[in-house]
Amino acid sequence: MKPEPSRNLEQRKQDTLARLNEDLDAWVASADRDGNPYLVPLSFLWDGVAFILATAESSPTARNLRFSGRVRMSVGPTRDVVLIEGTVETFSRETVPGDLADAFATKLWDARVGTTRYAYFRVTPRRIQAWREENEISGRDLMRDGYWLV
């Protein structure tokens, strides 16, 4: 299988932003206090600045994100992947800003209702990488230290 032509950084950023706006799910990797990894798929909302996630307050992912304040996420298939490393801010059902919860509910579902208590997590990206195949490994960084490179 012949690889697709390599995209320039501007095109890669445009494609990445389109994926973040259109996709619904990401693989979310976290680790517990002992460094044991935990990987789950979660729905997300990209608001143009940060990712919003919600998961049960008692889940391993919620505990890990609250503890470490860091996360690694993957969006898209392996041959058109976006990797995100970010810092995490946690909100309970009572402390989540209304506009954040409303936007999440509009795109996905309302985690404020029901018997299961959900926590919200705002992930601010510090690093974003994107590539399709080996020919795009070089220059895969689109964001570093929270700043877009292009």
C-alpha atoms as a PDB file:
ATOM      1  CA  MET A   1       0.000   0.000   0.000  1.00  0.00           C
ATOM      2  CA  LYS A   2       1.498   3.293  -1.110  1.00  0.00           C
ATOM      3  CA  PRO A   3       1.355   6.088   1.497  1.00  0.00           C
ATOM      4  CA  GLU A   4      -0.655   9.226   0.823  1.00  0.00           C
ATOM      5  CA  PRO A   5       1.384  12.340   0.020  1.00  0.00           C
ATOM      6  CA  SER A   6       2.647  14.153   3.092  1.00  0.00           C
ATOM      7  CA  ARG A   7       0.578  17.168   4.202  1.00  0.00           C
ATOM      8  CA  ASN A   8       2.182  20.467   5.136  1.00  0.00           C
ATOM      9  CA  LEU A   9       1.732  21.652   8.734  1.00  0.00           C
ATOM     10  CA  GLU A  10      -1.071  24.081   7.904  1.00  0.00           C
ATOM     11  CA  GLN A  11      -3.106  21.359   6.182  1.00  0.00           C
ATOM     12  CA  ARG A  12      -2.389  18.964   9.022  1.00  0.00           C
ATOM     13  CA  LYS A  13      -3.655  21.529  11.547  1.00  0.00           C
ATOM     14  CA  GLN A  14      -6.819  22.150   9.496  1.00  0.00           C
ATOM     15  CA  ASP A  15      -7.466  18.398   9.237  1.00  0.00           C
ATOM     16  CA  THR A  16      -6.823  17.974  12.969  1.00  0.00           C
ATOM     17  CA  LEU A  17      -9.203  20.767  13.946  1.00  0.00           C
ATOM     18  CA  ALA A  18     -11.873  19.283  11.661  1.00  0.00           C
ATOM     19  CA  ARG A  19     -11.433  15.895  13.334  1.00  0.00           C
ATOM     20  CA  LEU A  20     -11.614  17.440  16.823  1.00  0.00           C
ATOM     21  CA  ASN A  21     -14.815  19.274  15.913  1.00  0.00           C
ATOM     22  CA  GLU A  22     -16.493  16.305  14.220  1.00  0.00           C
ATOM     23  CA  ASP A  23     -15.370  13.201  16.125  1.00  0.00           C
ATOM     24  CA  LEU A  24     -17.190  12.125  19.259  1.00  0.00           C
ATOM     25  CA  ASP A  25     -14.871   9.653  20.976  1.00  0.00           C
ATOM     26  CA  ALA A  26     -11.264   9.413  22.120  1.00  0.00           C
ATOM     27  CA  TRP A  27      -9.106   6.816  23.777  1.00  0.00           C
ATOM     28  CA  VAL A  28      -8.208   8.281  27.169  1.00  0.00           C
ATOM     29  CA  ALA A  29      -5.094   7.027  28.961  1.00  0.00           C
ATOM     30  CA  SER A  30      -4.454   7.702  32.629  1.00  0.00           C
ATOM     31  CA  ALA A  31      -2.417   6.113  35.404  1.00  0.00           C
ATOM     32  CA  ASP A  32      -3.052   5.417  39.068  1.00  0.00           C
ATOM     33  CA  ARG A  33      -0.800   6.369  42.000  1.00  0.00           C
ATOM     34  CA  ASP A  34       1.380   3.310  41.365  1.00  0.00           C
ATOM     35  CA  GLY A  35       1.783   4.139  37.677  1.00  0.00           C
ATOM     36  CA  ASN A  36      -0.546   1.384  36.476  1.00  0.00           C
ATOM     37  CA  PRO A  37      -2.022   2.437  33.125  1.00  0.00           C
ATOM     38  CA  TYR A  38      -5.739   2.566  32.411  1.00  0.00           C
ATOM     39  CA  LEU A  39      -7.213   3.073  28.931  1.00  0.00           C
ATOM     40  CA  VAL A  40     -10.875   3.706  28.095  1.00  0.00           C
ATOM     41  CA  PRO A  41     -12.902   5.229  25.275  1.00  0.00           C
ATOM     42  CA  LEU A  42     -14.775   8.378  26.309  1.00  0.00           C
ATOM     43  CA  SER A  43     -16.901  10.856  24.406  1.00  0.00           C
ATOM     44  CA  PHE A  44     -15.502  14.365  24.213  1.00  0.00           C
ATOM     45  CA  LEU A  45     -16.423  17.891  23.285  1.00  0.00           C
ATOM     46  CA  TRP A  46     -13.744  20.138  21.750  1.00  0.00           C
ATOM     47  CA  ASP A  47     -14.647  23.779  22.419  1.00  0.00           C
ATOM     48  CA  GLY A  48     -11.792  25.223  20.369  1.00  0.00           C
ATOM     49  CA  VAL A  49      -9.518  25.584  23.401  1.00  0.00           C
ATOM     50  CA  ALA A  50     -10.006  22.506  25.563  1.00  0.00           C
ATOM     51  CA  PHE A  51     -11.598  19.061  25.620  1.00  0.00           C
ATOM     52  CA  ILE A  52     -14.505  18.305  27.912  1.00  0.00           C
ATOM     53  CA  LEU A  53     -14.922  14.731  29.171  1.00  0.00           C
ATOM     54  CA  ALA A  54     -17.373  13.169  31.601  1.00  0.00           C
ATOM     55  CA  THR A  55     -17.166   9.836  33.376  1.00  0.00           C
ATOM     56  CA  ALA A  56     -18.564   8.306  36.540  1.00  0.00           C
ATOM     57  CA  GLU A  57     -17.013   9.931  39.630  1.00  0.00           C
ATOM     58  CA  SER A  58     -16.143   6.528  41.073  1.00  0.00           C
ATOM     59  CA  SER A  59     -14.452   5.155  37.936  1.00  0.00           C
ATOM     60  CA  PRO A  60     -10.710   4.409  37.765  1.00  0.00           C
ATOM     61  CA  THR A  61     -10.369   7.067  35.051  1.00  0.00           C
ATOM     62  CA  ALA A  62     -11.965   9.753  37.229  1.00  0.00           C
ATOM     63  CA  ARG A  63      -9.761   8.828  40.186  1.00  0.00           C
ATOM     64  CA  ASN A  64      -6.637   8.825  38.021  1.00  0.00           C
ATOM     65  CA  LEU A  65      -7.397  12.159  36.368  1.00  0.00           C
ATOM     66  CA  ARG A  66      -8.157  13.818  39.712  1.00  0.00           C
ATOM     67  CA  PHE A  67      -4.968  12.396  41.227  1.00  0.00           C
ATOM     68  CA  SER A  68      -2.475  13.146  38.460  1.00  0.00           C
ATOM     69  CA  GLY A  69      -3.990  16.152  36.738  1.00  0.00           C
ATOM     70  CA  ARG A  70      -2.566  14.800  33.459  1.00  0.00           C
ATOM     71  CA  VAL A  71      -3.920  12.766  30.573  1.00  0.00           C
ATOM     72  CA  ARG A  72      -3.015  11.399  27.187  1.00  0.00           C
ATOM     73  CA  MET A  73      -5.705  10.999  24.529  1.00  0.00           C
ATOM     74  CA  SER A  74      -5.908   9.598  21.021  1.00  0.00           C
ATOM     75  CA  VAL A  75      -8.480  10.567  18.388  1.00  0.00           C
ATOM     76  CA  GLY A  76      -8.930   8.911  15.018  1.00  0.00           C
ATOM     77  CA  PRO A  77      -7.695   5.695  13.459  1.00  0.00           C
ATOM     78  CA  THR A  78      -4.081   4.550  13.664  1.00  0.00           C
ATOM     79  CA  ARG A  79      -3.387   5.759  10.106  1.00  0.00           C
ATOM     80  CA  ASP A  80      -4.752   9.247  10.760  1.00  0.00           C
ATOM     81  CA  VAL A  81      -4.094   9.730  14.454  1.00  0.00           C
ATOM     82  CA  VAL A  82      -4.180  12.799  16.669  1.00  0.00           C
ATOM     83  CA  LEU A  83      -2.354  12.415  20.008  1.00  0.00           C
ATOM     84  CA  ILE A  84      -3.047  14.883  22.790  1.00  0.00           C
ATOM     85  CA  GLU A  85      -1.216  15.381  26.070  1.00  0.00           C
ATOM     86  CA  GLY A  86      -2.933  17.720  28.466  1.00  0.00           C
ATOM     87  CA  THR A  87      -3.514  19.001  31.953  1.00  0.00           C
ATOM     88  CA  VAL A  88      -6.796  18.259  33.701  1.00  0.00           C
ATOM     89  CA  GLU A  89      -9.209  20.406  35.696  1.00  0.00           C
ATOM     90  CA  THR A  90     -11.956  18.486  37.544  1.00  0.00           C
ATOM     91  CA  PHE A  91     -15.563  19.521  38.213  1.00  0.00           C
ATOM     92  CA  SER A  92     -18.312  17.781  40.142  1.00  0.00           C
ATOM     93  CA  ARG A  93     -21.971  17.917  39.169  1.00  0.00           C
ATOM     94  CA  GLU A  94     -22.307  20.861  41.554  1.00  0.00           C
ATOM     95  CA  THR A  95     -19.217  22.816  40.468  1.00  0.00           C
ATOM     96  CA  VAL A  96     -19.283  22.356  36.687  1.00  0.00           C
ATOM     97  CA  PRO A  97     -19.801  25.705  34.928  1.00  0.00           C
ATOM     98  CA  GLY A  98     -23.282  25.754  33.393  1.00  0.00           C
ATOM     99  CA  ASP A  99     -22.094  26.757  29.919  1.00  0.00           C
ATOM    100  CA  LEU A 100     -19.578  23.880  29.871  1.00  0.00           C
ATOM    101  CA  ALA A 101     -22.177  21.283  30.944  1.00  0.00           C
ATOM    102  CA  ASP A 102     -24.776  22.726  28.540  1.00  0.00           C
ATOM    103  CA  ALA A 103     -22.372  22.532  25.582  1.00  0.00           C
ATOM    104  CA  PHE A 104     -21.455  18.940  26.483  1.00  0.00           C
ATOM    105  CA  ALA A 105     -25.147  18.017  26.764  1.00  0.00           C
ATOM    106  CA  THR A 106     -25.963  19.632  23.419  1.00  0.00           C
ATOM    107  CA  LYS A 107     -23.332  17.646  21.529  1.00  0.00           C
ATOM    108  CA  LEU A 108     -23.347  14.408  23.546  1.00  0.00           C
ATOM    109  CA  TRP A 109     -25.546  13.813  26.626  1.00  0.00           C
ATOM    110  CA  ASP A 110     -26.416  15.492  29.908  1.00  0.00           C
ATOM    111  CA  ALA A 111     -24.157  14.020  32.592  1.00  0.00           C
ATOM    112  CA  ARG A 112     -25.828  16.161  35.272  1.00  0.00           C
ATOM    113  CA  VAL A 113     -28.968  14.029  35.385  1.00  0.00           C
ATOM    114  CA  GLY A 114     -29.556  10.457  36.460  1.00  0.00           C
ATOM    115  CA  THR A 115     -28.598   8.386  39.456  1.00  0.00           C
ATOM    116  CA  THR A 116     -24.948   7.852  38.486  1.00  0.00           C
ATOM    117  CA  ARG A 117     -22.823  10.778  39.588  1.00  0.00           C
ATOM    118  CA  TYR A 118     -20.527  11.987  36.833  1.00  0.00           C
ATOM    119  CA  ALA A 119     -17.489  14.218  37.054  1.00  0.00           C
ATOM    120  CA  TYR A 120     -16.490  16.574  34.282  1.00  0.00           C
ATOM    121  CA  PHE A 121     -12.908  17.072  33.187  1.00  0.00           C
ATOM    122  CA  ARG A 122     -11.557  19.997  31.177  1.00  0.00           C
ATOM    123  CA  VAL A 123      -8.390  18.915  29.361  1.00  0.00           C
ATOM    124  CA  THR A 124      -6.181  21.772  28.225  1.00  0.00           C
ATOM    125  CA  PRO A 125      -3.828  20.465  25.545  1.00  0.00           C
ATOM    126  CA  ARG A 126      -0.130  21.033  26.091  1.00  0.00           C
ATOM    127  CA  ARG A 127       1.021  18.959  23.110  1.00  0.00           C
ATOM    128  CA  ILE A 128      -0.829  17.860  19.989  1.00  0.00           C
ATOM    129  CA  GLN A 129       0.666  15.604  17.349  1.00  0.00           C
ATOM    130  CA  ALA A 130      -0.910  14.380  14.107  1.00  0.00           C
ATOM    131  CA  TRP A 131       0.233  12.055  11.353  1.00  0.00           C
ATOM    132  CA  ARG A 132      -1.131   9.578   8.863  1.00  0.00           C
ATOM    133  CA  GLU A 133       1.860   7.454   7.938  1.00  0.00           C
ATOM    134  CA  GLU A 134       5.647   7.304   8.275  1.00  0.00           C
ATOM    135  CA  ASN A 135       6.101  10.147   5.803  1.00  0.00           C
ATOM    136  CA  GLU A 136       4.430  12.507   8.313  1.00  0.00           C
ATOM    137  CA  ILE A 137       6.307  11.418  11.448  1.00  0.00           C
ATOM    138  CA  SER A 138       8.780  14.234  10.904  1.00  0.00           C
ATOM    139  CA  GLY A 139       7.022  17.456  11.858  1.00  0.00           C
ATOM    140  CA  ARG A 140       4.163  15.693  13.653  1.00  0.00           C
ATOM    141  CA  ASP A 141       4.082  18.290  16.446  1.00  0.00           C
ATOM    142  CA  LEU A 142       1.320  20.825  15.871  1.00  0.00           C
ATOM    143  CA  MET A 143       1.266  22.171  19.432  1.00  0.00           C
ATOM    144  CA  ARG A 144       4.017  22.306  22.016  1.00  0.00           C
ATOM    145  CA  ASP A 145       3.823  23.739  25.548  1.00  0.00           C
ATOM    146  CA  GLY A 146       0.229  24.780  24.849  1.00  0.00           C
ATOM    147  CA  TYR A 147       1.055  26.865  21.757  1.00  0.00           C
ATOM    148  CA  TRP A 148       0.198  26.052  18.157  1.00  0.00           C
ATOM    149  CA  LEU A 149       3.325  25.844  16.026  1.00  0.00           C
ATOM    150  CA  VAL A 150       1.432  26.756  12.876  1.00  0.00           C
END
